[in-house]
Amino acid sequence: MAQKPIAMEQLKQVLQLHKDGIAIREIARRVGIDRNTARKYLSRLRTEESTSEGDLAEQAYDNDLLEFEAERLRQITVHLANAGKELSKTGVTRQLLWQEYLEQHPDGYSYNRYCYHLQQYLKNRDLLMHLEYEPSDTIMIDFAGKKQHYRDPTTGEQTSCEVFVAILPFSGLIFCLAVASRRTADFIRCINAMLRFYAGVTITILCDNLRTTVIRPDRYEPVFTDLCNQLSDHYGTTFSATRPYSPRDKAMVERAVNIIYNHVYAPLRNREFNSLEALNAAMQEQLILLNNKPYKNTPYSRWYFYEQQERSLLKLLPTETLCTQKNGTAHSSA
């Protein structure tokens, strides 16, 4: 392990004691450092007449600082690989992780520098999280917790609506659609619009335990509604439900919901819409901007990864669209 460089004051004391003719062993004892350390720094000082801190630092510290910093970077890289996961656990804070880091590495970074390295690690991990998934394997879907609104131009009454959100975890391509409710007809509309947007079908559609999709939640064998079974047959896919009380199963779509809040809801917050169609048109404009925006620290966007690595692997869409009849059952139409 690289050794932490001694302080400038200690270096000056070593040099002065050496000028005064004090032996190495005694210099080490008086300054409070190891004999080999004292010997190492004295061997680096080219001239005893150099008294400015700049000259001393240039002669004594160059290699030590590089080695010490390289070792600290290696230590924090190893530490963050585990700390990034710990941060998602209840009650775990950056302060706590930093304290645990210092217990293992007393010469480690200050709290501010630790938070900087942690932030950089999390930024880079955001992209890697997407690429850990297989392309064309899964679409994750959910409804946003916060609703959108439009105002009836005749009555002036404000109407709230649900927002359906989906994501392809590999590329990160996000879809959203405002609908009147979470009922069967609107859910089918969401699935049809989503798959047209993605121009294909994945092997699995992963959903939360919505009433529209799951009759009985179960960790291992959830029972799906007839609607999901019909959608599966029609599109040649399989519905799967997240396990109860397992938030990591749907972490990507929950993150997508927050991204929609930031990049779709927020830009439209001061605008009013007189119909659901007008609201959706504005949301789609923001969605295009979002999906074409490069990931942090890269020139590549969600749309780039989708087009280059995922779209061609999706299953083809059927020629017919699934619709609902008045009794709530689904049927195909051209």
C-alpha atoms as a PDB file:
ATOM      1  CA  MET A   1       0.000   0.000   0.000  1.00  0.00           C
ATOM      2  CA  ALA A   2       1.261   3.487  -0.831  1.00  0.00           C
ATOM      3  CA  GLN A   3       2.245   5.474   2.250  1.00  0.00           C
ATOM      4  CA  LYS A   4       0.691   8.838   3.013  1.00  0.00           C
ATOM      5  CA  PRO A   5       3.243  11.627   2.448  1.00  0.00           C
ATOM      6  CA  ILE A   6       4.464  13.308   5.625  1.00  0.00           C
ATOM      7  CA  ALA A   7       3.364  16.869   6.314  1.00  0.00           C
ATOM      8  CA  MET A   8       5.458  19.821   5.114  1.00  0.00           C
ATOM      9  CA  GLU A   9       6.176  20.826   8.728  1.00  0.00           C
ATOM     10  CA  GLN A  10       7.555  17.361   9.445  1.00  0.00           C
ATOM     11  CA  LEU A  11       9.674  17.518   6.276  1.00  0.00           C
ATOM     12  CA  LYS A  12      11.159  20.840   7.386  1.00  0.00           C
ATOM     13  CA  GLN A  13      11.929  19.384  10.826  1.00  0.00           C
ATOM     14  CA  VAL A  14      13.667  16.379   9.261  1.00  0.00           C
ATOM     15  CA  LEU A  15      15.800  18.670   7.112  1.00  0.00           C
ATOM     16  CA  GLN A  16      16.686  20.990  10.005  1.00  0.00           C
ATOM     17  CA  LEU A  17      17.609  18.147  12.351  1.00  0.00           C
ATOM     18  CA  HIS A  18      19.756  16.629   9.628  1.00  0.00           C
ATOM     19  CA  LYS A  19      21.553  19.977   9.175  1.00  0.00           C
ATOM     20  CA  ASP A  20      22.124  20.046  12.940  1.00  0.00           C
ATOM     21  CA  GLY A  21      23.894  16.691  12.702  1.00  0.00           C
ATOM     22  CA  ILE A  22      21.238  14.576  14.402  1.00  0.00           C
ATOM     23  CA  ALA A  23      21.344  10.855  13.574  1.00  0.00           C
ATOM     24  CA  ILE A  24      18.585   9.256  11.477  1.00  0.00           C
ATOM     25  CA  ARG A  25      17.254   7.163  14.385  1.00  0.00           C
ATOM     26  CA  GLU A  26      16.916  10.245  16.599  1.00  0.00           C
ATOM     27  CA  ILE A  27      15.378  12.333  13.784  1.00  0.00           C
ATOM     28  CA  ALA A  28      12.709   9.679  13.323  1.00  0.00           C
ATOM     29  CA  ARG A  29      11.974   9.595  17.054  1.00  0.00           C
ATOM     30  CA  ARG A  30      11.716  13.372  17.433  1.00  0.00           C
ATOM     31  CA  VAL A  31       9.561  13.926  14.338  1.00  0.00           C
ATOM     32  CA  GLY A  32       7.399  10.849  14.965  1.00  0.00           C
ATOM     33  CA  ILE A  33       8.042   8.997  11.724  1.00  0.00           C
ATOM     34  CA  ASP A  34       9.660   5.742  10.673  1.00  0.00           C
ATOM     35  CA  ARG A  35      13.456   5.641  10.223  1.00  0.00           C
ATOM     36  CA  ASN A  36      13.098   4.414   6.624  1.00  0.00           C
ATOM     37  CA  THR A  37      10.709   7.286   5.927  1.00  0.00           C
ATOM     38  CA  ALA A  38      13.205   9.830   7.254  1.00  0.00           C
ATOM     39  CA  ARG A  39      15.985   8.217   5.229  1.00  0.00           C
ATOM     40  CA  LYS A  40      13.819   8.179   2.062  1.00  0.00           C
ATOM     41  CA  TYR A  41      13.003  11.894   2.216  1.00  0.00           C
ATOM     42  CA  LEU A  42      16.555  12.928   2.999  1.00  0.00           C
ATOM     43  CA  SER A  43      17.775  10.961  -0.022  1.00  0.00           C
ATOM     44  CA  ARG A  44      15.366  12.887  -2.252  1.00  0.00           C
ATOM     45  CA  LEU A  45      16.487  16.353  -1.184  1.00  0.00           C
ATOM     46  CA  ARG A  46      19.105  17.342  -3.747  1.00  0.00           C
ATOM     47  CA  THR A  47      20.480  20.293  -1.805  1.00  0.00           C
ATOM     48  CA  GLU A  48      20.266  21.299   1.795  1.00  0.00           C
ATOM     49  CA  GLU A  49      20.191  24.977   0.809  1.00  0.00           C
ATOM     50  CA  SER A  50      16.671  24.614  -0.644  1.00  0.00           C
ATOM     51  CA  THR A  51      14.393  26.089   1.993  1.00  0.00           C
ATOM     52  CA  SER A  52      11.279  27.232   0.082  1.00  0.00           C
ATOM     53  CA  GLU A  53       8.214  25.011   0.396  1.00  0.00           C
ATOM     54  CA  GLY A  54       7.893  24.874  -3.377  1.00  0.00           C
ATOM     55  CA  ASP A  55      11.408  23.464  -3.793  1.00  0.00           C
ATOM     56  CA  LEU A  56      10.954  20.996  -0.969  1.00  0.00           C
ATOM     57  CA  ALA A  57       7.589  19.765  -2.259  1.00  0.00           C
ATOM     58  CA  GLU A  58       8.901  19.307  -5.791  1.00  0.00           C
ATOM     59  CA  GLN A  59      11.867  17.266  -4.593  1.00  0.00           C
ATOM     60  CA  ALA A  60      10.193  15.223  -1.863  1.00  0.00           C
ATOM     61  CA  TYR A  61       6.581  14.610  -2.779  1.00  0.00           C
ATOM     62  CA  ASP A  62       6.281  13.989  -6.511  1.00  0.00           C
ATOM     63  CA  ASN A  63       6.238  10.183  -6.559  1.00  0.00           C
ATOM     64  CA  ASP A  64       4.587   9.834  -3.151  1.00  0.00           C
ATOM     65  CA  LEU A  65       1.598  11.931  -4.094  1.00  0.00           C
ATOM     66  CA  LEU A  66       1.051  10.029  -7.324  1.00  0.00           C
ATOM     67  CA  GLU A  67       1.323   6.659  -5.609  1.00  0.00           C
ATOM     68  CA  PHE A  68      -0.817   7.729  -2.665  1.00  0.00           C
ATOM     69  CA  GLU A  69      -3.572   9.139  -4.892  1.00  0.00           C
ATOM     70  CA  ALA A  70      -3.538   6.069  -7.121  1.00  0.00           C
ATOM     71  CA  GLU A  71      -3.938   3.843  -4.077  1.00  0.00           C
ATOM     72  CA  ARG A  72      -6.795   5.944  -2.692  1.00  0.00           C
ATOM     73  CA  LEU A  73      -8.587   5.772  -6.047  1.00  0.00           C
ATOM     74  CA  ARG A  74      -8.203   2.008  -6.095  1.00  0.00           C
ATOM     75  CA  GLN A  75      -9.545   1.750  -2.550  1.00  0.00           C
ATOM     76  CA  ILE A  76     -12.594   3.917  -3.181  1.00  0.00           C
ATOM     77  CA  THR A  77     -13.373   2.116  -6.456  1.00  0.00           C
ATOM     78  CA  VAL A  78     -13.530  -1.192  -4.591  1.00  0.00           C
ATOM     79  CA  HIS A  79     -15.539   0.407  -1.784  1.00  0.00           C
ATOM     80  CA  LEU A  80     -18.118   2.040  -4.085  1.00  0.00           C
ATOM     81  CA  ALA A  81     -18.871  -1.209  -5.903  1.00  0.00           C
ATOM     82  CA  ASN A  82     -20.577  -2.324  -2.681  1.00  0.00           C
ATOM     83  CA  ALA A  83     -21.589   1.067  -1.256  1.00  0.00           C
ATOM     84  CA  GLY A  84     -23.680   1.876  -4.350  1.00  0.00           C
ATOM     85  CA  LYS A  85     -25.930  -1.086  -3.512  1.00  0.00           C
ATOM     86  CA  GLU A  86     -26.028  -0.273   0.208  1.00  0.00           C
ATOM     87  CA  LEU A  87     -27.282   3.268  -0.487  1.00  0.00           C
ATOM     88  CA  SER A  88     -30.656   1.920  -1.637  1.00  0.00           C
ATOM     89  CA  LYS A  89     -31.289   0.231   1.728  1.00  0.00           C
ATOM     90  CA  THR A  90     -33.513   1.825   4.357  1.00  0.00           C
ATOM     91  CA  GLY A  91     -31.722   4.303   6.588  1.00  0.00           C
ATOM     92  CA  VAL A  92     -28.380   4.150   4.776  1.00  0.00           C
ATOM     93  CA  THR A  93     -26.955   7.634   4.100  1.00  0.00           C
ATOM     94  CA  ARG A  94     -23.852   8.990   2.413  1.00  0.00           C
ATOM     95  CA  GLN A  95     -22.556  10.102   5.810  1.00  0.00           C
ATOM     96  CA  LEU A  96     -22.823   6.561   7.178  1.00  0.00           C
ATOM     97  CA  LEU A  97     -21.092   5.063   4.135  1.00  0.00           C
ATOM     98  CA  TRP A  98     -18.288   7.635   4.410  1.00  0.00           C
ATOM     99  CA  GLN A  99     -17.757   6.799   8.090  1.00  0.00           C
ATOM    100  CA  GLU A 100     -17.554   3.093   7.259  1.00  0.00           C
ATOM    101  CA  TYR A 101     -15.111   3.916   4.452  1.00  0.00           C
ATOM    102  CA  LEU A 102     -12.842   5.847   6.860  1.00  0.00           C
ATOM    103  CA  GLU A 103     -12.880   2.962   9.339  1.00  0.00           C
ATOM    104  CA  GLN A 104     -11.273   0.810   6.655  1.00  0.00           C
ATOM    105  CA  HIS A 105      -9.110   3.582   5.163  1.00  0.00           C
ATOM    106  CA  PRO A 106      -8.214   6.246   7.773  1.00  0.00           C
ATOM    107  CA  ASP A 107      -6.184   8.180   5.179  1.00  0.00           C
ATOM    108  CA  GLY A 108      -9.119   8.249   2.769  1.00  0.00           C
ATOM    109  CA  TYR A 109     -10.953  11.151   1.176  1.00  0.00           C
ATOM    110  CA  SER A 110     -12.769  13.932   2.985  1.00  0.00           C
ATOM    111  CA  TYR A 111     -16.575  13.792   3.045  1.00  0.00           C
ATOM    112  CA  ASN A 112     -16.931  16.262   0.143  1.00  0.00           C
ATOM    113  CA  ARG A 113     -14.491  14.347  -2.069  1.00  0.00           C
ATOM    114  CA  TYR A 114     -16.122  11.067  -1.086  1.00  0.00           C
ATOM    115  CA  CYS A 115     -19.539  12.392  -2.179  1.00  0.00           C
ATOM    116  CA  TYR A 116     -18.018  13.578  -5.456  1.00  0.00           C
ATOM    117  CA  HIS A 117     -16.597  10.133  -6.245  1.00  0.00           C
ATOM    118  CA  LEU A 118     -19.877   8.484  -5.191  1.00  0.00           C
ATOM    119  CA  GLN A 119     -21.853  10.793  -7.481  1.00  0.00           C
ATOM    120  CA  GLN A 120     -19.555  10.014 -10.414  1.00  0.00           C
ATOM    121  CA  TYR A 121     -19.905   6.307  -9.725  1.00  0.00           C
ATOM    122  CA  LEU A 122     -23.714   6.520  -9.658  1.00  0.00           C
ATOM    123  CA  LYS A 123     -23.772   8.482 -12.917  1.00  0.00           C
ATOM    124  CA  ASN A 124     -21.726   5.849 -14.698  1.00  0.00           C
ATOM    125  CA  ARG A 125     -23.770   3.057 -13.131  1.00  0.00           C
ATOM    126  CA  ASP A 126     -27.021   4.527 -14.491  1.00  0.00           C
ATOM    127  CA  LEU A 127     -25.932   3.626 -18.017  1.00  0.00           C
ATOM    128  CA  LEU A 128     -24.503   0.252 -17.037  1.00  0.00           C
ATOM    129  CA  MET A 129     -27.771  -0.712 -15.329  1.00  0.00           C
ATOM    130  CA  HIS A 130     -29.529  -0.489 -18.681  1.00  0.00           C
ATOM    131  CA  LEU A 131     -26.944  -2.560 -20.495  1.00  0.00           C
ATOM    132  CA  GLU A 132     -27.101  -5.386 -17.937  1.00  0.00           C
ATOM    133  CA  TYR A 133     -30.460  -6.373 -19.447  1.00  0.00           C
ATOM    134  CA  GLU A 134     -30.811  -8.428 -22.609  1.00  0.00           C
ATOM    135  CA  PRO A 135     -32.081  -6.504 -25.656  1.00  0.00           C
ATOM    136  CA  SER A 136     -35.707  -7.254 -26.647  1.00  0.00           C
ATOM    137  CA  ASP A 137     -36.221  -9.422 -23.559  1.00  0.00           C
ATOM    138  CA  THR A 138     -38.550  -7.306 -21.420  1.00  0.00           C
ATOM    139  CA  ILE A 139     -40.803  -4.266 -21.383  1.00  0.00           C
ATOM    140  CA  MET A 140     -41.589  -2.946 -17.894  1.00  0.00           C
ATOM    141  CA  ILE A 141     -44.906  -1.141 -17.440  1.00  0.00           C
ATOM    142  CA  ASP A 142     -46.685   0.766 -14.663  1.00  0.00           C
ATOM    143  CA  PHE A 143     -48.981   3.719 -14.030  1.00  0.00           C
ATOM    144  CA  ALA A 144     -47.486   6.912 -12.617  1.00  0.00           C
ATOM    145  CA  GLY A 145     -48.540   7.784  -9.090  1.00  0.00           C
ATOM    146  CA  LYS A 146     -49.160  11.446  -9.988  1.00  0.00           C
ATOM    147  CA  LYS A 147     -51.918  12.247 -12.467  1.00  0.00           C
ATOM    148  CA  GLN A 148     -52.092  14.726 -15.336  1.00  0.00           C
ATOM    149  CA  HIS A 149     -55.006  17.082 -16.055  1.00  0.00           C
ATOM    150  CA  TYR A 150     -56.873  18.809 -18.841  1.00  0.00           C
ATOM    151  CA  ARG A 151     -59.738  21.317 -18.740  1.00  0.00           C
ATOM    152  CA  ASP A 152     -63.111  20.978 -20.492  1.00  0.00           C
ATOM    153  CA  PRO A 153     -63.408  24.086 -22.741  1.00  0.00           C
ATOM    154  CA  THR A 154     -67.201  24.164 -22.333  1.00  0.00           C
ATOM    155  CA  THR A 155     -67.641  23.723 -18.590  1.00  0.00           C
ATOM    156  CA  GLY A 156     -64.178  24.787 -17.459  1.00  0.00           C
ATOM    157  CA  GLU A 157     -64.045  21.688 -15.291  1.00  0.00           C
ATOM    158  CA  GLN A 158     -60.614  20.142 -14.707  1.00  0.00           C
ATOM    159  CA  THR A 159     -60.410  16.417 -15.415  1.00  0.00           C
ATOM    160  CA  SER A 160     -57.645  14.238 -14.035  1.00  0.00           C
ATOM    161  CA  CYS A 161     -56.217  11.332 -16.010  1.00  0.00           C
ATOM    162  CA  GLU A 162     -53.861   8.429 -15.471  1.00  0.00           C
ATOM    163  CA  VAL A 163     -50.432   8.253 -17.101  1.00  0.00           C
ATOM    164  CA  PHE A 164     -49.189   4.887 -18.354  1.00  0.00           C
ATOM    165  CA  VAL A 165     -45.374   4.509 -18.430  1.00  0.00           C
ATOM    166  CA  ALA A 166     -43.216   1.839 -20.079  1.00  0.00           C
ATOM    167  CA  ILE A 167     -39.491   1.268 -20.562  1.00  0.00           C
ATOM    168  CA  LEU A 168     -37.237  -1.073 -22.499  1.00  0.00           C
ATOM    169  CA  PRO A 169     -34.613  -1.690 -19.778  1.00  0.00           C
ATOM    170  CA  PHE A 170     -31.740  -2.451 -22.161  1.00  0.00           C
ATOM    171  CA  SER A 171     -31.858   0.730 -24.230  1.00  0.00           C
ATOM    172  CA  GLY A 172     -33.780   2.765 -21.665  1.00  0.00           C
ATOM    173  CA  LEU A 173     -36.324   3.885 -24.308  1.00  0.00           C
ATOM    174  CA  ILE A 174     -39.340   5.317 -22.472  1.00  0.00           C
ATOM    175  CA  PHE A 175     -42.989   5.554 -23.497  1.00  0.00           C
ATOM    176  CA  CYS A 176     -45.885   7.325 -21.795  1.00  0.00           C
ATOM    177  CA  LEU A 177     -49.567   7.904 -22.553  1.00  0.00           C
ATOM    178  CA  ALA A 178     -52.348   9.721 -20.700  1.00  0.00           C
ATOM    179  CA  VAL A 179     -55.636   7.802 -20.477  1.00  0.00           C
ATOM    180  CA  ALA A 180     -58.930   8.362 -18.705  1.00  0.00           C
ATOM    181  CA  SER A 181     -58.599   5.433 -16.292  1.00  0.00           C
ATOM    182  CA  ARG A 182     -56.871   2.153 -15.493  1.00  0.00           C
ATOM    183  CA  ARG A 183     -59.856   0.114 -16.632  1.00  0.00           C
ATOM    184  CA  THR A 184     -59.738  -2.629 -19.262  1.00  0.00           C
ATOM    185  CA  ALA A 185     -60.446  -0.539 -22.373  1.00  0.00           C
ATOM    186  CA  ASP A 186     -57.850   2.080 -21.454  1.00  0.00           C
ATOM    187  CA  PHE A 187     -55.294  -0.564 -20.493  1.00  0.00           C
ATOM    188  CA  ILE A 188     -55.656  -2.256 -23.880  1.00  0.00           C
ATOM    189  CA  ARG A 189     -55.286   1.149 -25.540  1.00  0.00           C
ATOM    190  CA  CYS A 190     -52.035   1.657 -23.598  1.00  0.00           C
ATOM    191  CA  ILE A 191     -50.620  -1.738 -24.623  1.00  0.00           C
ATOM    192  CA  ASN A 192     -51.534  -1.215 -28.297  1.00  0.00           C
ATOM    193  CA  ALA A 193     -50.030   2.291 -28.380  1.00  0.00           C
ATOM    194  CA  MET A 194     -46.909   1.172 -26.507  1.00  0.00           C
ATOM    195  CA  LEU A 195     -46.157  -1.703 -28.885  1.00  0.00           C
ATOM    196  CA  ARG A 196     -46.763   0.491 -31.934  1.00  0.00           C
ATOM    197  CA  PHE A 197     -44.342   3.021 -30.439  1.00  0.00           C
ATOM    198  CA  TYR A 198     -41.702   0.313 -29.927  1.00  0.00           C
ATOM    199  CA  ALA A 199     -42.496  -1.168 -33.370  1.00  0.00           C
ATOM    200  CA  GLY A 200     -42.245  -4.677 -31.975  1.00  0.00           C
ATOM    201  CA  VAL A 201     -42.841  -7.026 -29.062  1.00  0.00           C
ATOM    202  CA  THR A 202     -40.529  -8.324 -26.347  1.00  0.00           C
ATOM    203  CA  ILE A 203     -40.497 -11.844 -24.925  1.00  0.00           C
ATOM    204  CA  THR A 204     -42.034 -10.631 -21.666  1.00  0.00           C
ATOM    205  CA  ILE A 205     -44.093  -7.690 -20.436  1.00  0.00           C
ATOM    206  CA  LEU A 206     -43.394  -7.123 -16.735  1.00  0.00           C
ATOM    207  CA  CYS A 207     -46.139  -5.313 -14.825  1.00  0.00           C
ATOM    208  CA  ASP A 208     -46.943  -4.428 -11.268  1.00  0.00           C
ATOM    209  CA  ASN A 209     -49.802  -6.262  -9.568  1.00  0.00           C
ATOM    210  CA  LEU A 210     -52.510  -4.104 -11.154  1.00  0.00           C
ATOM    211  CA  ARG A 211     -56.153  -5.128 -10.849  1.00  0.00           C
ATOM    212  CA  THR A 212     -56.413  -5.044 -14.624  1.00  0.00           C
ATOM    213  CA  THR A 213     -53.649  -7.614 -14.993  1.00  0.00           C
ATOM    214  CA  VAL A 214     -53.429  -9.795 -11.889  1.00  0.00           C
ATOM    215  CA  ILE A 215     -56.305 -11.581 -10.149  1.00  0.00           C
ATOM    216  CA  ARG A 216     -54.226 -13.017  -7.324  1.00  0.00           C
ATOM    217  CA  PRO A 217     -50.693 -11.764  -6.568  1.00  0.00           C
ATOM    218  CA  ASP A 218     -48.202 -14.449  -5.633  1.00  0.00           C
ATOM    219  CA  ARG A 219     -44.425 -14.478  -5.281  1.00  0.00           C
ATOM    220  CA  TYR A 220     -44.085 -17.492  -7.566  1.00  0.00           C
ATOM    221  CA  GLU A 221     -47.359 -18.108  -9.429  1.00  0.00           C
ATOM    222  CA  PRO A 222     -49.513 -14.981  -9.844  1.00  0.00           C
ATOM    223  CA  VAL A 223     -52.881 -15.528 -11.532  1.00  0.00           C
ATOM    224  CA  PHE A 224     -53.412 -13.218 -14.488  1.00  0.00           C
ATOM    225  CA  THR A 225     -56.714 -11.898 -15.828  1.00  0.00           C
ATOM    226  CA  ASP A 226     -58.300 -13.218 -19.018  1.00  0.00           C
ATOM    227  CA  LEU A 227     -57.369  -9.881 -20.593  1.00  0.00           C
ATOM    228  CA  CYS A 228     -53.648 -10.537 -20.066  1.00  0.00           C
ATOM    229  CA  ASN A 229     -53.996 -14.030 -21.442  1.00  0.00           C
ATOM    230  CA  GLN A 230     -55.723 -12.649 -24.559  1.00  0.00           C
ATOM    231  CA  LEU A 231     -53.051  -9.968 -24.981  1.00  0.00           C
ATOM    232  CA  SER A 232     -50.327 -12.603 -24.601  1.00  0.00           C
ATOM    233  CA  ASP A 233     -51.899 -14.809 -27.257  1.00  0.00           C
ATOM    234  CA  HIS A 234     -52.515 -11.932 -29.645  1.00  0.00           C
ATOM    235  CA  TYR A 235     -49.027 -10.409 -29.460  1.00  0.00           C
ATOM    236  CA  GLY A 236     -47.038 -13.598 -28.920  1.00  0.00           C
ATOM    237  CA  THR A 237     -45.616 -12.454 -25.598  1.00  0.00           C
ATOM    238  CA  THR A 238     -45.897 -13.376 -21.923  1.00  0.00           C
ATOM    239  CA  PHE A 239     -47.085 -11.268 -19.014  1.00  0.00           C
ATOM    240  CA  SER A 240     -45.092 -11.471 -15.798  1.00  0.00           C
ATOM    241  CA  ALA A 241     -45.783  -9.736 -12.486  1.00  0.00           C
ATOM    242  CA  THR A 242     -43.344  -8.260 -10.004  1.00  0.00           C
ATOM    243  CA  ARG A 243     -43.034 -10.166  -6.753  1.00  0.00           C
ATOM    244  CA  PRO A 244     -44.962  -8.610  -3.850  1.00  0.00           C
ATOM    245  CA  TYR A 245     -42.712  -6.508  -1.583  1.00  0.00           C
ATOM    246  CA  SER A 246     -39.791  -6.751  -4.017  1.00  0.00           C
ATOM    247  CA  PRO A 247     -39.190  -3.157  -5.189  1.00  0.00           C
ATOM    248  CA  ARG A 248     -36.019  -4.063  -7.084  1.00  0.00           C
ATOM    249  CA  ASP A 249     -38.143  -6.053  -9.571  1.00  0.00           C
ATOM    250  CA  LYS A 250     -39.607  -2.815 -10.905  1.00  0.00           C
ATOM    251  CA  ALA A 251     -36.764  -0.402 -10.137  1.00  0.00           C
ATOM    252  CA  MET A 252     -36.259   0.502 -13.790  1.00  0.00           C
ATOM    253  CA  VAL A 253     -39.881   1.453 -14.451  1.00  0.00           C
ATOM    254  CA  GLU A 254     -40.092   3.382 -11.174  1.00  0.00           C
ATOM    255  CA  ARG A 255     -37.034   5.302 -12.285  1.00  0.00           C
ATOM    256  CA  ALA A 256     -38.730   5.843 -15.664  1.00  0.00           C
ATOM    257  CA  VAL A 257     -41.748   7.322 -13.859  1.00  0.00           C
ATOM    258  CA  ASN A 258     -39.487   9.812 -12.065  1.00  0.00           C
ATOM    259  CA  ILE A 259     -37.813  10.684 -15.359  1.00  0.00           C
ATOM    260  CA  ILE A 260     -41.263  11.347 -16.861  1.00  0.00           C
ATOM    261  CA  TYR A 261     -42.032  13.664 -13.943  1.00  0.00           C
ATOM    262  CA  ASN A 262     -38.826  15.625 -14.619  1.00  0.00           C
ATOM    263  CA  HIS A 263     -38.835  15.690 -18.415  1.00  0.00           C
ATOM    264  CA  VAL A 264     -42.540  15.589 -19.343  1.00  0.00           C
ATOM    265  CA  TYR A 265     -44.637  16.792 -16.413  1.00  0.00           C
ATOM    266  CA  ALA A 266     -42.345  19.659 -15.396  1.00  0.00           C
ATOM    267  CA  PRO A 267     -42.001  21.332 -18.839  1.00  0.00           C
ATOM    268  CA  LEU A 268     -45.820  21.222 -19.235  1.00  0.00           C
ATOM    269  CA  ARG A 269     -46.710  22.372 -15.727  1.00  0.00           C
ATOM    270  CA  ASN A 270     -47.752  25.904 -16.770  1.00  0.00           C
ATOM    271  CA  ARG A 271     -49.694  24.892 -19.869  1.00  0.00           C
ATOM    272  CA  GLU A 272     -53.414  24.127 -20.043  1.00  0.00           C
ATOM    273  CA  PHE A 273     -54.999  21.601 -22.421  1.00  0.00           C
ATOM    274  CA  ASN A 274     -58.608  21.409 -23.506  1.00  0.00           C
ATOM    275  CA  SER A 275     -58.665  17.678 -24.309  1.00  0.00           C
ATOM    276  CA  LEU A 276     -56.940  14.401 -23.615  1.00  0.00           C
ATOM    277  CA  GLU A 277     -55.693  14.355 -27.213  1.00  0.00           C
ATOM    278  CA  ALA A 278     -54.060  17.791 -26.863  1.00  0.00           C
ATOM    279  CA  LEU A 279     -52.399  16.715 -23.616  1.00  0.00           C
ATOM    280  CA  ASN A 280     -51.018  13.559 -25.229  1.00  0.00           C
ATOM    281  CA  ALA A 281     -49.708  15.478 -28.238  1.00  0.00           C
ATOM    282  CA  ALA A 282     -47.737  17.787 -25.931  1.00  0.00           C
ATOM    283  CA  MET A 283     -46.481  14.856 -23.863  1.00  0.00           C
ATOM    284  CA  GLN A 284     -45.252  13.090 -26.999  1.00  0.00           C
ATOM    285  CA  GLU A 285     -43.253  16.162 -28.000  1.00  0.00           C
ATOM    286  CA  GLN A 286     -41.454  16.101 -24.647  1.00  0.00           C
ATOM    287  CA  LEU A 287     -41.000  12.336 -24.904  1.00  0.00           C
ATOM    288  CA  ILE A 288     -39.188  12.692 -28.235  1.00  0.00           C
ATOM    289  CA  LEU A 289     -36.804  15.231 -26.676  1.00  0.00           C
ATOM    290  CA  LEU A 290     -36.210  12.943 -23.701  1.00  0.00           C
ATOM    291  CA  ASN A 291     -35.440   9.824 -25.747  1.00  0.00           C
ATOM    292  CA  ASN A 292     -33.060  11.726 -28.004  1.00  0.00           C
ATOM    293  CA  LYS A 293     -31.198  13.357 -25.125  1.00  0.00           C
ATOM    294  CA  PRO A 294     -27.708  11.812 -24.653  1.00  0.00           C
ATOM    295  CA  TYR A 295     -26.981   9.912 -21.475  1.00  0.00           C
ATOM    296  CA  LYS A 296     -24.723  11.784 -19.063  1.00  0.00           C
ATOM    297  CA  ASN A 297     -21.061  11.727 -20.056  1.00  0.00           C
ATOM    298  CA  THR A 298     -21.780   9.964 -23.371  1.00  0.00           C
ATOM    299  CA  PRO A 299     -22.849  11.055 -26.886  1.00  0.00           C
ATOM    300  CA  TYR A 300     -25.410   8.227 -27.009  1.00  0.00           C
ATOM    301  CA  SER A 301     -29.138   8.493 -26.333  1.00  0.00           C
ATOM    302  CA  ARG A 302     -31.888   6.039 -25.467  1.00  0.00           C
ATOM    303  CA  TRP A 303     -33.044   6.199 -29.071  1.00  0.00           C
ATOM    304  CA  TYR A 304     -29.524   5.419 -30.322  1.00  0.00           C
ATOM    305  CA  PHE A 305     -29.239   2.208 -28.283  1.00  0.00           C
ATOM    306  CA  TYR A 306     -32.778   1.208 -29.277  1.00  0.00           C
ATOM    307  CA  GLU A 307     -32.171   1.714 -33.006  1.00  0.00           C
ATOM    308  CA  GLN A 308     -28.678   0.237 -33.070  1.00  0.00           C
ATOM    309  CA  GLN A 309     -28.992  -2.730 -30.736  1.00  0.00           C
ATOM    310  CA  GLU A 310     -32.601  -3.535 -29.877  1.00  0.00           C
ATOM    311  CA  ARG A 311     -35.201  -2.699 -32.490  1.00  0.00           C
ATOM    312  CA  SER A 312     -34.195  -5.391 -34.995  1.00  0.00           C
ATOM    313  CA  LEU A 313     -34.421  -8.075 -32.278  1.00  0.00           C
ATOM    314  CA  LEU A 314     -38.039  -7.343 -31.309  1.00  0.00           C
ATOM    315  CA  LYS A 315     -40.773  -9.716 -32.461  1.00  0.00           C
ATOM    316  CA  LEU A 316     -42.948  -8.447 -35.311  1.00  0.00           C
ATOM    317  CA  LEU A 317     -46.334  -6.945 -34.502  1.00  0.00           C
ATOM    318  CA  PRO A 318     -49.480  -8.740 -35.694  1.00  0.00           C
ATOM    319  CA  THR A 319     -51.391  -7.084 -38.531  1.00  0.00           C
ATOM    320  CA  GLU A 320     -54.505  -6.715 -36.363  1.00  0.00           C
ATOM    321  CA  THR A 321     -55.025  -4.549 -33.282  1.00  0.00           C
ATOM    322  CA  LEU A 322     -56.689  -5.822 -30.111  1.00  0.00           C
ATOM    323  CA  CYS A 323     -59.836  -3.905 -29.114  1.00  0.00           C
ATOM    324  CA  THR A 324     -62.536  -4.238 -26.450  1.00  0.00           C
ATOM    325  CA  GLN A 325     -66.192  -5.000 -26.852  1.00  0.00           C
ATOM    326  CA  LYS A 326     -68.932  -3.572 -24.668  1.00  0.00           C
ATOM    327  CA  ASN A 327     -68.883  -6.576 -22.350  1.00  0.00           C
ATOM    328  CA  GLY A 328     -65.204  -5.944 -21.613  1.00  0.00           C
ATOM    329  CA  THR A 329     -63.814  -8.846 -23.623  1.00  0.00           C
ATOM    330  CA  ALA A 330     -61.109  -8.284 -26.213  1.00  0.00           C
ATOM    331  CA  HIS A 331     -61.217  -8.973 -29.924  1.00  0.00           C
ATOM    332  CA  SER A 332     -58.992  -8.302 -32.913  1.00  0.00           C
ATOM    333  CA  SER A 333     -59.716  -5.748 -35.620  1.00  0.00           C
ATOM    334  CA  ALA A 334     -57.829  -4.804 -38.772  1.00  0.00           C
END
